[in-house]
Structure formats: C-alpha cells, structure tokens
Full PDB file with SEQRES, HELIX, SHEET, SSBOND, CRYST1, ORIGX, SCALE, CONECT and MASTER records, all heavy atoms in Angstrom:
SEQRES   1 A   42  PRO LEU LEU PRO GLN GLY ILE GLY MET VAL GLY PRO LEU          
SEQRES   2 A   42  LEU ILE ASP ILE GLY THR ASP GLU GLN LYS ALA LYS TYR          
SEQRES   3 A   42  LEU PRO GLY ILE LEU LYS GLY GLU ASP PHE TRP ALA GLN          
SEQRES   4 A   42  GLY TYR SER                                                  
HELIX    1 AA1 PRO A    4  PRO A    4  1                                   1    
HELIX    2 AA2 GLN A    5  VAL A   10  3                                   6    
HELIX    3 AA3 GLY A   11  ILE A   17  1                                   7    
HELIX    4 AA4 ASP A   20  LYS A   32  1                                  13    
CRYST1    1.000    1.000    1.000  90.00  90.00  90.00 P 1           1          
ORIGX1      1.000000  0.000000  0.000000        0.00000                         
ORIGX2      0.000000  1.000000  0.000000        0.00000                         
ORIGX3      0.000000  0.000000  1.000000        0.00000                         
SCALE1      1.000000  0.000000  0.000000        0.00000                         
SCALE2      0.000000  1.000000  0.000000        0.00000                         
SCALE3      0.000000  0.000000  1.000000        0.00000                         
ATOM      1  N   PRO A   1       0.837  -1.204   0.000  1.00  0.00           N  
ATOM      2  CA  PRO A   1       0.000   0.000   0.000  1.00  0.00           C  
ATOM      3  C   PRO A   1       0.870   1.251   0.000  1.00  0.00           C  
ATOM      4  O   PRO A   1       1.959   1.271   0.590  1.00  0.00           O  
ATOM      5  CB  PRO A   1      -0.792  -0.119   1.308  1.00  0.00           C  
ATOM      6  CG  PRO A   1       0.081  -0.956   2.198  1.00  0.00           C  
ATOM      7  CD  PRO A   1       0.785  -1.921   1.289  1.00  0.00           C  
ATOM      8  N   LEU A   2       0.404   2.295  -0.666  1.00  0.00           N  
ATOM      9  CA  LEU A   2       1.138   3.550  -0.643  1.00  0.00           C  
ATOM     10  C   LEU A   2       1.140   4.118   0.768  1.00  0.00           C  
ATOM     11  O   LEU A   2       0.184   3.949   1.531  1.00  0.00           O  
ATOM     12  CB  LEU A   2       0.518   4.567  -1.610  1.00  0.00           C  
ATOM     13  CG  LEU A   2       0.484   4.172  -3.083  1.00  0.00           C  
ATOM     14  CD1 LEU A   2       0.072   5.380  -3.932  1.00  0.00           C  
ATOM     15  CD2 LEU A   2       1.809   3.610  -3.560  1.00  0.00           C  
ATOM     16  N   LEU A   3       2.213   4.795   1.118  1.00  0.00           N  
ATOM     17  CA  LEU A   3       2.319   5.368   2.459  1.00  0.00           C  
ATOM     18  C   LEU A   3       1.270   6.468   2.626  1.00  0.00           C  
ATOM     19  O   LEU A   3       1.112   7.324   1.754  1.00  0.00           O  
ATOM     20  CB  LEU A   3       3.727   5.913   2.681  1.00  0.00           C  
ATOM     21  CG  LEU A   3       4.813   4.828   2.630  1.00  0.00           C  
ATOM     22  CD1 LEU A   3       6.199   5.449   2.646  1.00  0.00           C  
ATOM     23  CD2 LEU A   3       4.663   3.841   3.778  1.00  0.00           C  
ATOM     24  N   PRO A   4       0.536   6.452   3.733  1.00  0.00           N  
ATOM     25  CA  PRO A   4      -0.677   7.270   3.828  1.00  0.00           C  
ATOM     26  C   PRO A   4      -0.473   8.728   4.208  1.00  0.00           C  
ATOM     27  O   PRO A   4      -1.377   9.543   4.001  1.00  0.00           O  
ATOM     28  CB  PRO A   4      -1.469   6.554   4.923  1.00  0.00           C  
ATOM     29  CG  PRO A   4      -0.420   5.954   5.817  1.00  0.00           C  
ATOM     30  CD  PRO A   4       0.691   5.540   4.885  1.00  0.00           C  
ATOM     31  N   GLN A   5       0.681   9.102   4.772  1.00  0.00           N  
ATOM     32  CA  GLN A   5       0.788  10.442   5.345  1.00  0.00           C  
ATOM     33  C   GLN A   5       0.549  11.548   4.326  1.00  0.00           C  
ATOM     34  O   GLN A   5      -0.089  12.554   4.638  1.00  0.00           O  
ATOM     35  CB  GLN A   5       2.165  10.636   6.005  1.00  0.00           C  
ATOM     36  CG  GLN A   5       2.402   9.760   7.228  1.00  0.00           C  
ATOM     37  CD  GLN A   5       3.163   8.500   6.885  1.00  0.00           C  
ATOM     38  OE1 GLN A   5       2.883   7.855   5.869  1.00  0.00           O  
ATOM     39  NE2 GLN A   5       4.134   8.136   7.709  1.00  0.00           N  
ATOM     40  N   GLY A   6       1.059  11.387   3.111  1.00  0.00           N  
ATOM     41  CA  GLY A   6       0.880  12.418   2.104  1.00  0.00           C  
ATOM     42  C   GLY A   6      -0.379  12.230   1.298  1.00  0.00           C  
ATOM     43  O   GLY A   6      -1.282  13.067   1.294  1.00  0.00           O  
ATOM     44  N   ILE A   7      -0.471  11.093   0.610  1.00  0.00           N  
ATOM     45  CA  ILE A   7      -1.561  10.866  -0.335  1.00  0.00           C  
ATOM     46  C   ILE A   7      -2.904  10.677   0.362  1.00  0.00           C  
ATOM     47  O   ILE A   7      -3.956  11.007  -0.184  1.00  0.00           O  
ATOM     48  CB  ILE A   7      -1.230   9.643  -1.224  1.00  0.00           C  
ATOM     49  CG1 ILE A   7      -1.907   9.759  -2.589  1.00  0.00           C  
ATOM     50  CG2 ILE A   7      -1.550   8.338  -0.542  1.00  0.00           C  
ATOM     51  CD1 ILE A   7      -1.201  10.652  -3.548  1.00  0.00           C  
ATOM     52  N   GLY A   8      -2.878  10.163   1.605  1.00  0.00           N  
ATOM     53  CA  GLY A   8      -4.131   9.865   2.283  1.00  0.00           C  
ATOM     54  C   GLY A   8      -4.497  10.805   3.408  1.00  0.00           C  
ATOM     55  O   GLY A   8      -5.631  10.763   3.901  1.00  0.00           O  
ATOM     56  N   MET A   9      -3.559  11.675   3.829  1.00  0.00           N  
ATOM     57  CA  MET A   9      -3.836  12.500   5.000  1.00  0.00           C  
ATOM     58  C   MET A   9      -3.657  13.990   4.706  1.00  0.00           C  
ATOM     59  O   MET A   9      -4.618  14.725   4.550  1.00  0.00           O  
ATOM     60  CB  MET A   9      -2.957  12.029   6.163  1.00  0.00           C  
ATOM     61  CG  MET A   9      -3.298  10.603   6.605  1.00  0.00           C  
ATOM     62  SD  MET A   9      -2.079   9.813   7.684  1.00  0.00           S  
ATOM     63  CE  MET A   9      -2.158  10.856   9.121  1.00  0.00           C  
ATOM     64  N   VAL A  10      -2.405  14.467   4.626  1.00  0.00           N  
ATOM     65  CA  VAL A  10      -2.211  15.908   4.469  1.00  0.00           C  
ATOM     66  C   VAL A  10      -2.654  16.386   3.090  1.00  0.00           C  
ATOM     67  O   VAL A  10      -3.131  17.510   2.941  1.00  0.00           O  
ATOM     68  CB  VAL A  10      -0.739  16.297   4.758  1.00  0.00           C  
ATOM     69  CG1 VAL A  10       0.207  15.848   3.654  1.00  0.00           C  
ATOM     70  CG2 VAL A  10      -0.613  17.808   4.965  1.00  0.00           C  
ATOM     71  N   GLY A  11      -2.536  15.530   2.064  1.00  0.00           N  
ATOM     72  CA  GLY A  11      -3.016  15.922   0.742  1.00  0.00           C  
ATOM     73  C   GLY A  11      -4.516  16.204   0.738  1.00  0.00           C  
ATOM     74  O   GLY A  11      -4.949  17.302   0.342  1.00  0.00           O  
ATOM     75  N   PRO A  12      -5.353  15.255   1.162  1.00  0.00           N  
ATOM     76  CA  PRO A  12      -6.794  15.534   1.236  1.00  0.00           C  
ATOM     77  C   PRO A  12      -7.136  16.701   2.152  1.00  0.00           C  
ATOM     78  O   PRO A  12      -8.079  17.449   1.878  1.00  0.00           O  
ATOM     79  CB  PRO A  12      -7.374  14.221   1.771  1.00  0.00           C  
ATOM     80  CG  PRO A  12      -6.409  13.173   1.313  1.00  0.00           C  
ATOM     81  CD  PRO A  12      -5.064  13.825   1.406  1.00  0.00           C  
ATOM     82  N   LEU A  13      -6.371  16.872   3.231  1.00  0.00           N  
ATOM     83  CA  LEU A  13      -6.619  18.013   4.122  1.00  0.00           C  
ATOM     84  C   LEU A  13      -6.430  19.325   3.370  1.00  0.00           C  
ATOM     85  O   LEU A  13      -7.273  20.234   3.460  1.00  0.00           O  
ATOM     86  CB  LEU A  13      -5.674  17.957   5.323  1.00  0.00           C  
ATOM     87  CG  LEU A  13      -5.734  19.174   6.252  1.00  0.00           C  
ATOM     88  CD1 LEU A  13      -6.993  19.136   7.109  1.00  0.00           C  
ATOM     89  CD2 LEU A  13      -4.485  19.271   7.127  1.00  0.00           C  
ATOM     90  N   LEU A  14      -5.330  19.446   2.635  1.00  0.00           N  
ATOM     91  CA  LEU A  14      -5.070  20.679   1.900  1.00  0.00           C  
ATOM     92  C   LEU A  14      -6.096  20.894   0.789  1.00  0.00           C  
ATOM     93  O   LEU A  14      -6.491  22.036   0.510  1.00  0.00           O  
ATOM     94  CB  LEU A  14      -3.655  20.660   1.324  1.00  0.00           C  
ATOM     95  CG  LEU A  14      -2.520  20.706   2.351  1.00  0.00           C  
ATOM     96  CD1 LEU A  14      -1.168  20.591   1.665  1.00  0.00           C  
ATOM     97  CD2 LEU A  14      -2.593  21.967   3.193  1.00  0.00           C  
ATOM     98  N   ILE A  15      -6.530  19.816   0.147  1.00  0.00           N  
ATOM     99  CA  ILE A  15      -7.576  19.943  -0.867  1.00  0.00           C  
ATOM    100  C   ILE A  15      -8.845  20.523  -0.244  1.00  0.00           C  
ATOM    101  O   ILE A  15      -9.518  21.371  -0.826  1.00  0.00           O  
ATOM    102  CB  ILE A  15      -7.856  18.571  -1.511  1.00  0.00           C  
ATOM    103  CG1 ILE A  15      -6.675  18.157  -2.395  1.00  0.00           C  
ATOM    104  CG2 ILE A  15      -9.146  18.600  -2.329  1.00  0.00           C  
ATOM    105  CD1 ILE A  15      -6.748  16.738  -2.911  1.00  0.00           C  
ATOM    106  N   ASP A  16      -9.141  20.089   0.981  1.00  0.00           N  
ATOM    107  CA  ASP A  16     -10.371  20.535   1.650  1.00  0.00           C  
ATOM    108  C   ASP A  16     -10.262  21.966   2.178  1.00  0.00           C  
ATOM    109  O   ASP A  16     -11.163  22.782   1.952  1.00  0.00           O  
ATOM    110  CB  ASP A  16     -10.709  19.602   2.820  1.00  0.00           C  
ATOM    111  CG  ASP A  16     -11.182  18.232   2.354  1.00  0.00           C  
ATOM    112  OD1 ASP A  16     -11.466  18.071   1.152  1.00  0.00           O  
ATOM    113  OD2 ASP A  16     -11.250  17.319   3.201  1.00  0.00           O  
ATOM    114  N   ILE A  17      -9.163  22.280   2.893  1.00  0.00           N  
ATOM    115  CA  ILE A  17      -9.127  23.551   3.621  1.00  0.00           C  
ATOM    116  C   ILE A  17      -7.836  24.331   3.455  1.00  0.00           C  
ATOM    117  O   ILE A  17      -7.663  25.382   4.085  1.00  0.00           O  
ATOM    118  CB  ILE A  17      -9.404  23.338   5.130  1.00  0.00           C  
ATOM    119  CG1 ILE A  17      -8.315  22.467   5.774  1.00  0.00           C  
ATOM    120  CG2 ILE A  17     -10.774  22.712   5.365  1.00  0.00           C  
ATOM    121  CD1 ILE A  17      -8.467  22.354   7.298  1.00  0.00           C  
ATOM    122  N   GLY A  18      -6.912  23.869   2.643  1.00  0.00           N  
ATOM    123  CA  GLY A  18      -5.673  24.609   2.434  1.00  0.00           C  
ATOM    124  C   GLY A  18      -5.896  25.848   1.578  1.00  0.00           C  
ATOM    125  O   GLY A  18      -6.884  25.965   0.851  1.00  0.00           O  
ATOM    126  N   THR A  19      -4.968  26.776   1.654  1.00  0.00           N  
ATOM    127  CA  THR A  19      -5.053  27.952   0.795  1.00  0.00           C  
ATOM    128  C   THR A  19      -4.659  27.570  -0.633  1.00  0.00           C  
ATOM    129  O   THR A  19      -4.046  26.515  -0.876  1.00  0.00           O  
ATOM    130  CB  THR A  19      -4.108  29.054   1.288  1.00  0.00           C  
ATOM    131  OG1 THR A  19      -2.745  28.602   1.152  1.00  0.00           O  
ATOM    132  CG2 THR A  19      -4.386  29.405   2.741  1.00  0.00           C  
ATOM    133  N   ASP A  20      -4.988  28.431  -1.593  1.00  0.00           N  
ATOM    134  CA  ASP A  20      -4.604  28.165  -2.975  1.00  0.00           C  
ATOM    135  C   ASP A  20      -3.091  28.060  -3.103  1.00  0.00           C  
ATOM    136  O   ASP A  20      -2.575  27.231  -3.872  1.00  0.00           O  
ATOM    137  CB  ASP A  20      -5.131  29.268  -3.893  1.00  0.00           C  
ATOM    138  CG  ASP A  20      -6.651  29.232  -4.041  1.00  0.00           C  
ATOM    139  OD1 ASP A  20      -7.248  28.180  -3.748  1.00  0.00           O  
ATOM    140  OD2 ASP A  20      -7.236  30.269  -4.432  1.00  0.00           O  
ATOM    141  N   GLU A  21      -2.386  28.899  -2.365  1.00  0.00           N  
ATOM    142  CA  GLU A  21      -0.918  28.866  -2.406  1.00  0.00           C  
ATOM    143  C   GLU A  21      -0.390  27.536  -1.863  1.00  0.00           C  
ATOM    144  O   GLU A  21       0.548  26.951  -2.435  1.00  0.00           O  
ATOM    145  CB  GLU A  21      -0.341  30.024  -1.597  1.00  0.00           C  
ATOM    146  CG  GLU A  21      -0.581  31.412  -2.196  1.00  0.00           C  
ATOM    147  CD  GLU A  21      -1.999  31.927  -1.980  1.00  0.00           C  
ATOM    148  OE1 GLU A  21      -2.737  31.314  -1.169  1.00  0.00           O  
ATOM    149  OE2 GLU A  21      -2.370  32.934  -2.615  1.00  0.00           O  
ATOM    150  N   GLN A  22      -0.977  27.038  -0.770  1.00  0.00           N  
ATOM    151  CA  GLN A  22      -0.544  25.771  -0.196  1.00  0.00           C  
ATOM    152  C   GLN A  22      -0.841  24.604  -1.129  1.00  0.00           C  
ATOM    153  O   GLN A  22      -0.019  23.696  -1.294  1.00  0.00           O  
ATOM    154  CB  GLN A  22      -1.202  25.565   1.171  1.00  0.00           C  
ATOM    155  CG  GLN A  22      -0.668  26.491   2.242  1.00  0.00           C  
ATOM    156  CD  GLN A  22      -1.499  26.465   3.517  1.00  0.00           C  
ATOM    157  OE1 GLN A  22      -2.662  26.055   3.514  1.00  0.00           O  
ATOM    158  NE2 GLN A  22      -0.913  26.920   4.626  1.00  0.00           N  
ATOM    159  N   LYS A  23      -1.997  24.624  -1.766  1.00  0.00           N  
ATOM    160  CA  LYS A  23      -2.332  23.565  -2.720  1.00  0.00           C  
ATOM    161  C   LYS A  23      -1.339  23.550  -3.871  1.00  0.00           C  
ATOM    162  O   LYS A  23      -0.838  22.485  -4.273  1.00  0.00           O  
ATOM    163  CB  LYS A  23      -3.750  23.761  -3.242  1.00  0.00           C  
ATOM    164  CG  LYS A  23      -4.843  23.570  -2.202  1.00  0.00           C  
ATOM    165  CD  LYS A  23      -6.206  23.912  -2.772  1.00  0.00           C  
ATOM    166  CE  LYS A  23      -7.280  23.867  -1.708  1.00  0.00           C  
ATOM    167  NZ  LYS A  23      -8.618  24.257  -2.222  1.00  0.00           N  
ATOM    168  N   ALA A  24      -1.053  24.722  -4.430  1.00  0.00           N  
ATOM    169  CA  ALA A  24      -0.136  24.801  -5.563  1.00  0.00           C  
ATOM    170  C   ALA A  24       1.274  24.376  -5.171  1.00  0.00           C  
ATOM    171  O   ALA A  24       2.001  23.773  -5.967  1.00  0.00           O  
ATOM    172  CB  ALA A  24      -0.123  26.226  -6.124  1.00  0.00           C  
ATOM    173  N   LYS A  25       1.668  24.670  -3.942  1.00  0.00           N  
ATOM    174  CA  LYS A  25       3.030  24.389  -3.493  1.00  0.00           C  
ATOM    175  C   LYS A  25       3.239  22.917  -3.143  1.00  0.00           C  
ATOM    176  O   LYS A  25       4.277  22.338  -3.469  1.00  0.00           O  
ATOM    177  CB  LYS A  25       3.350  25.259  -2.276  1.00  0.00           C  
ATOM    178  CG  LYS A  25       4.749  25.062  -1.717  1.00  0.00           C  
ATOM    179  CD  LYS A  25       5.008  26.030  -0.565  1.00  0.00           C  
ATOM    180  CE  LYS A  25       6.427  25.866  -0.009  1.00  0.00           C  
ATOM    181  NZ  LYS A  25       6.703  26.832   1.083  1.00  0.00           N  
ATOM    182  N   TYR A  26       2.249  22.297  -2.491  1.00  0.00           N  
ATOM    183  CA  TYR A  26       2.475  20.985  -1.899  1.00  0.00           C  
ATOM    184  C   TYR A  26       1.829  19.819  -2.632  1.00  0.00           C  
ATOM    185  O   TYR A  26       2.375  18.711  -2.631  1.00  0.00           O  
ATOM    186  CB  TYR A  26       1.985  20.983  -0.447  1.00  0.00           C  
ATOM    187  CG  TYR A  26       2.726  21.944   0.450  1.00  0.00           C  
ATOM    188  CD1 TYR A  26       2.054  22.978   1.097  1.00  0.00           C  
ATOM    189  CD2 TYR A  26       4.099  21.819   0.660  1.00  0.00           C  
ATOM    190  CE1 TYR A  26       2.731  23.866   1.921  1.00  0.00           C  
ATOM    191  CE2 TYR A  26       4.780  22.705   1.488  1.00  0.00           C  
ATOM    192  CZ  TYR A  26       4.088  23.727   2.117  1.00  0.00           C  
ATOM    193  OH  TYR A  26       4.760  24.600   2.926  1.00  0.00           O  
ATOM    194  N   LEU A  27       0.666  20.010  -3.233  1.00  0.00           N  
ATOM    195  CA  LEU A  27      -0.056  18.870  -3.805  1.00  0.00           C  
ATOM    196  C   LEU A  27       0.704  18.173  -4.939  1.00  0.00           C  
ATOM    197  O   LEU A  27       0.701  16.937  -5.002  1.00  0.00           O  
ATOM    198  CB  LEU A  27      -1.445  19.302  -4.272  1.00  0.00           C  
ATOM    199  CG  LEU A  27      -2.442  19.674  -3.169  1.00  0.00           C  
ATOM    200  CD1 LEU A  27      -3.789  20.063  -3.783  1.00  0.00           C  
ATOM    201  CD2 LEU A  27      -2.628  18.535  -2.176  1.00  0.00           C  
ATOM    202  N   PRO A  28       1.356  18.907  -5.864  1.00  0.00           N  
ATOM    203  CA  PRO A  28       2.065  18.200  -6.937  1.00  0.00           C  
ATOM    204  C   PRO A  28       3.139  17.241  -6.424  1.00  0.00           C  
ATOM    205  O   PRO A  28       3.263  16.115  -6.934  1.00  0.00           O  
ATOM    206  CB  PRO A  28       2.675  19.344  -7.765  1.00  0.00           C  
ATOM    207  CG  PRO A  28       1.755  20.503  -7.524  1.00  0.00           C  
ATOM    208  CD  PRO A  28       1.353  20.378  -6.088  1.00  0.00           C  
ATOM    209  N   GLY A  29       3.918  17.664  -5.429  1.00  0.00           N  
ATOM    210  CA  GLY A  29       4.969  16.794  -4.898  1.00  0.00           C  
ATOM    211  C   GLY A  29       4.418  15.571  -4.198  1.00  0.00           C  
ATOM    212  O   GLY A  29       5.014  14.487  -4.242  1.00  0.00           O  
ATOM    213  N   ILE A  30       3.268  15.725  -3.520  1.00  0.00           N  
ATOM    214  CA  ILE A  30       2.617  14.584  -2.878  1.00  0.00           C  
ATOM    215  C   ILE A  30       2.132  13.599  -3.935  1.00  0.00           C  
ATOM    216  O   ILE A  30       2.355  12.386  -3.841  1.00  0.00           O  
ATOM    217  CB  ILE A  30       1.439  15.062  -2.003  1.00  0.00           C  
ATOM    218  CG1 ILE A  30       1.946  15.909  -0.834  1.00  0.00           C  
ATOM    219  CG2 ILE A  30       0.632  13.869  -1.490  1.00  0.00           C  
ATOM    220  CD1 ILE A  30       0.831  16.562  -0.024  1.00  0.00           C  
ATOM    221  N   LEU A  31       1.461  14.120  -4.953  1.00  0.00           N  
ATOM    222  CA  LEU A  31       0.894  13.267  -5.993  1.00  0.00           C  
ATOM    223  C   LEU A  31       1.970  12.506  -6.758  1.00  0.00           C  
ATOM    224  O   LEU A  31       1.823  11.308  -7.040  1.00  0.00           O  
ATOM    225  CB  LEU A  31       0.067  14.124  -6.955  1.00  0.00           C  
ATOM    226  CG  LEU A  31      -0.707  13.383  -8.041  1.00  0.00           C  
ATOM    227  CD1 LEU A  31      -1.823  12.540  -7.434  1.00  0.00           C  
ATOM    228  CD2 LEU A  31      -1.289  14.373  -9.051  1.00  0.00           C  
ATOM    229  N   LYS A  32       3.060  13.173  -7.088  1.00  0.00           N  
ATOM    230  CA  LYS A  32       4.118  12.550  -7.887  1.00  0.00           C  
ATOM    231  C   LYS A  32       4.989  11.581  -7.091  1.00  0.00           C  
ATOM    232  O   LYS A  32       5.760  10.820  -7.679  1.00  0.00           O  
ATOM    233  CB  LYS A  32       5.015  13.640  -8.487  1.00  0.00           C  
ATOM    234  CG  LYS A  32       4.316  14.546  -9.483  1.00  0.00           C  
ATOM    235  CD  LYS A  32       5.255  15.654  -9.944  1.00  0.00           C  
ATOM    236  CE  LYS A  32       4.570  16.621 -10.886  1.00  0.00           C  
ATOM    237  NZ  LYS A  32       5.473  17.729 -11.310  1.00  0.00           N  
ATOM    238  N   GLY A  33       4.899  11.621  -5.772  1.00  0.00           N  
ATOM    239  CA  GLY A  33       5.786  10.794  -4.959  1.00  0.00           C  
ATOM    240  C   GLY A  33       7.164  11.397  -4.805  1.00  0.00           C  
ATOM    241  O   GLY A  33       8.127  10.704  -4.463  1.00  0.00           O  
ATOM    242  N   GLU A  34       7.280  12.709  -5.047  1.00  0.00           N  
ATOM    243  CA  GLU A  34       8.563  13.397  -4.878  1.00  0.00           C  
ATOM    244  C   GLU A  34       8.795  13.800  -3.428  1.00  0.00           C  
ATOM    245  O   GLU A  34       9.946  13.909  -2.988  1.00  0.00           O  
ATOM    246  CB  GLU A  34       8.600  14.640  -5.763  1.00  0.00           C  
ATOM    247  CG  GLU A  34       8.577  14.333  -7.243  1.00  0.00           C  
ATOM    248  CD  GLU A  34       8.487  15.584  -8.107  1.00  0.00           C  
ATOM    249  OE1 GLU A  34       8.216  16.681  -7.555  1.00  0.00           O  
ATOM    250  OE2 GLU A  34       8.680  15.469  -9.331  1.00  0.00           O  
ATOM    251  N   ASP A  35       7.722  14.051  -2.700  1.00  0.00           N  
ATOM    252  CA  ASP A  35       7.822  14.464  -1.301  1.00  0.00           C  
ATOM    253  C   ASP A  35       7.228  13.386  -0.413  1.00  0.00           C  
ATOM    254  O   ASP A  35       6.213  12.757  -0.749  1.00  0.00           O  
ATOM    255  CB  ASP A  35       7.059  15.769  -1.056  1.00  0.00           C  
ATOM    256  CG  ASP A  35       7.684  16.950  -1.775  1.00  0.00           C  
ATOM    257  OD1 ASP A  35       8.919  16.938  -1.961  1.00  0.00           O  
ATOM    258  OD2 ASP A  35       6.938  17.874  -2.163  1.00  0.00           O  
ATOM    259  N   PHE A  36       7.849  13.178   0.743  1.00  0.00           N  
ATOM    260  CA  PHE A  36       7.277  12.282   1.739  1.00  0.00           C  
ATOM    261  C   PHE A  36       7.129  13.042   3.053  1.00  0.00           C  
ATOM    262  O   PHE A  36       8.072  13.663   3.530  1.00  0.00           O  
ATOM    263  CB  PHE A  36       8.136  11.043   1.964  1.00  0.00           C  
ATOM    264  CG  PHE A  36       7.572  10.167   3.051  1.00  0.00           C  
ATOM    265  CD1 PHE A  36       6.375   9.491   2.850  1.00  0.00           C  
ATOM    266  CD2 PHE A  36       8.206  10.058   4.269  1.00  0.00           C  
ATOM    267  CE1 PHE A  36       5.825   8.720   3.863  1.00  0.00           C  
ATOM    268  CE2 PHE A  36       7.666   9.287   5.284  1.00  0.00           C  
ATOM    269  CZ  PHE A  36       6.469   8.617   5.077  1.00  0.00           C  
ATOM    270  N   TRP A  37       5.940  12.986   3.616  1.00  0.00           N  
ATOM    271  CA  TRP A  37       5.599  13.739   4.814  1.00  0.00           C  
ATOM    272  C   TRP A  37       5.591  12.854   6.051  1.00  0.00           C  
ATOM    273  O   TRP A  37       4.997  11.772   6.052  1.00  0.00           O  
ATOM    274  CB  TRP A  37       4.215  14.371   4.654  1.00  0.00           C  
ATOM    275  CG  TRP A  37       4.152  15.460   3.630  1.00  0.00           C  
ATOM    276  CD1 TRP A  37       4.167  15.321   2.276  1.00  0.00           C  
ATOM    277  CD2 TRP A  37       4.080  16.866   3.891  1.00  0.00           C  
ATOM    278  NE1 TRP A  37       4.104  16.550   1.672  1.00  0.00           N  
ATOM    279  CE2 TRP A  37       4.035  17.520   2.634  1.00  0.00           C  
ATOM    280  CE3 TRP A  37       4.018  17.635   5.059  1.00  0.00           C  
ATOM    281  CZ2 TRP A  37       3.948  18.903   2.518  1.00  0.00           C  
ATOM    282  CZ3 TRP A  37       3.926  19.005   4.940  1.00  0.00           C  
ATOM    283  CH2 TRP A  37       3.908  19.631   3.685  1.00  0.00           C  
ATOM    284  N   ALA A  38       6.221  13.327   7.120  1.00  0.00           N  
ATOM    285  CA  ALA A  38       6.097  12.702   8.425  1.00  0.00           C  
ATOM    286  C   ALA A  38       4.984  13.401   9.204  1.00  0.00           C  
ATOM    287  O   ALA A  38       4.686  14.575   8.964  1.00  0.00           O  
ATOM    288  CB  ALA A  38       7.411  12.804   9.197  1.00  0.00           C  
ATOM    289  N   GLN A  39       4.379  12.677  10.135  1.00  0.00           N  
ATOM    290  CA  GLN A  39       3.286  13.205  10.945  1.00  0.00           C  
ATOM    291  C   GLN A  39       3.794  13.489  12.359  1.00  0.00           C  
ATOM    292  O   GLN A  39       4.079  12.565  13.121  1.00  0.00           O  
ATOM    293  CB  GLN A  39       2.129  12.203  10.996  1.00  0.00           C  
ATOM    294  CG  GLN A  39       0.926  12.687  11.793  1.00  0.00           C  
ATOM    295  CD  GLN A  39      -0.151  11.616  11.913  1.00  0.00           C  
ATOM    296  OE1 GLN A  39       0.149  10.425  11.984  1.00  0.00           O  
ATOM    297  NE2 GLN A  39      -1.405  12.020  11.941  1.00  0.00           N  
ATOM    298  N   GLY A  40       3.925  14.761  12.702  1.00  0.00           N  
ATOM    299  CA  GLY A  40       4.453  15.152  14.011  1.00  0.00           C  
ATOM    300  C   GLY A  40       3.340  15.411  15.014  1.00  0.00           C  
ATOM    301  O   GLY A  40       2.993  16.582  15.246  1.00  0.00           O  
ATOM    302  N   TYR A  41       2.803  14.363  15.590  1.00  0.00           N  
ATOM    303  CA  TYR A  41       1.711  14.490  16.555  1.00  0.00           C  
ATOM    304  C   TYR A  41       2.157  14.076  17.962  1.00  0.00           C  
ATOM    305  O   TYR A  41       2.306  14.893  18.855  1.00  0.00           O  
ATOM    306  CB  TYR A  41       0.516  13.627  16.127  1.00  0.00           C  
ATOM    307  CG  TYR A  41      -0.414  14.247  15.127  1.00  0.00           C  
ATOM    308  CD1 TYR A  41      -0.042  15.333  14.334  1.00  0.00           C  
ATOM    309  CD2 TYR A  41      -1.692  13.726  14.933  1.00  0.00           C  
ATOM    310  CE1 TYR A  41      -0.912  15.889  13.404  1.00  0.00           C  
ATOM    311  CE2 TYR A  41      -2.566  14.278  14.008  1.00  0.00           C  
ATOM    312  CZ  TYR A  41      -2.169  15.353  13.248  1.00  0.00           C  
ATOM    313  OH  TYR A  41      -3.043  15.899  12.330  1.00  0.00           O  
ATOM    314  N   SER A  42       2.355  12.774  18.169  1.00  0.00           N  
ATOM    315  CA  SER A  42       2.599  12.246  19.511  1.00  0.00           C  
ATOM    316  C   SER A  42       3.868  12.810  20.133  1.00  0.00           C  
ATOM    317  O   SER A  42       4.846  13.119  19.439  1.00  0.00           O  
ATOM    318  CB  SER A  42       2.701  10.719  19.470  1.00  0.00           C  
ATOM    319  OG  SER A  42       1.473  10.144  19.094  1.00  0.00           O  
TER     320      SER A  42                                                      
MASTER        0    0    0    4    0    0    0    6  319    1    0    4          
END                                                                             
C-alpha cells in the first residue's frame, strides 16, 4: 500500500481547507511521490 501520510492525510486536508498557495506548493509533490511527509503528533 502507498504510504498514507501524504496521499491519504495531508493531501486531502489541503484539498479541503488549504489555501490556494498551499495547494499549488504541496499537492504536486505529494501526488508525484517526490515528497514524503512525516506526521508530528505524539
């Protein structure tokens, strides 16, 4: 399975509520698999 942090979590979040600038900056790299995001919660 594809790693969920980008394609399944922060990507959909930005699509829903991110600014236009954030969508343009981050979504292409998530979609292409060029960027990998870690989740800094716990």
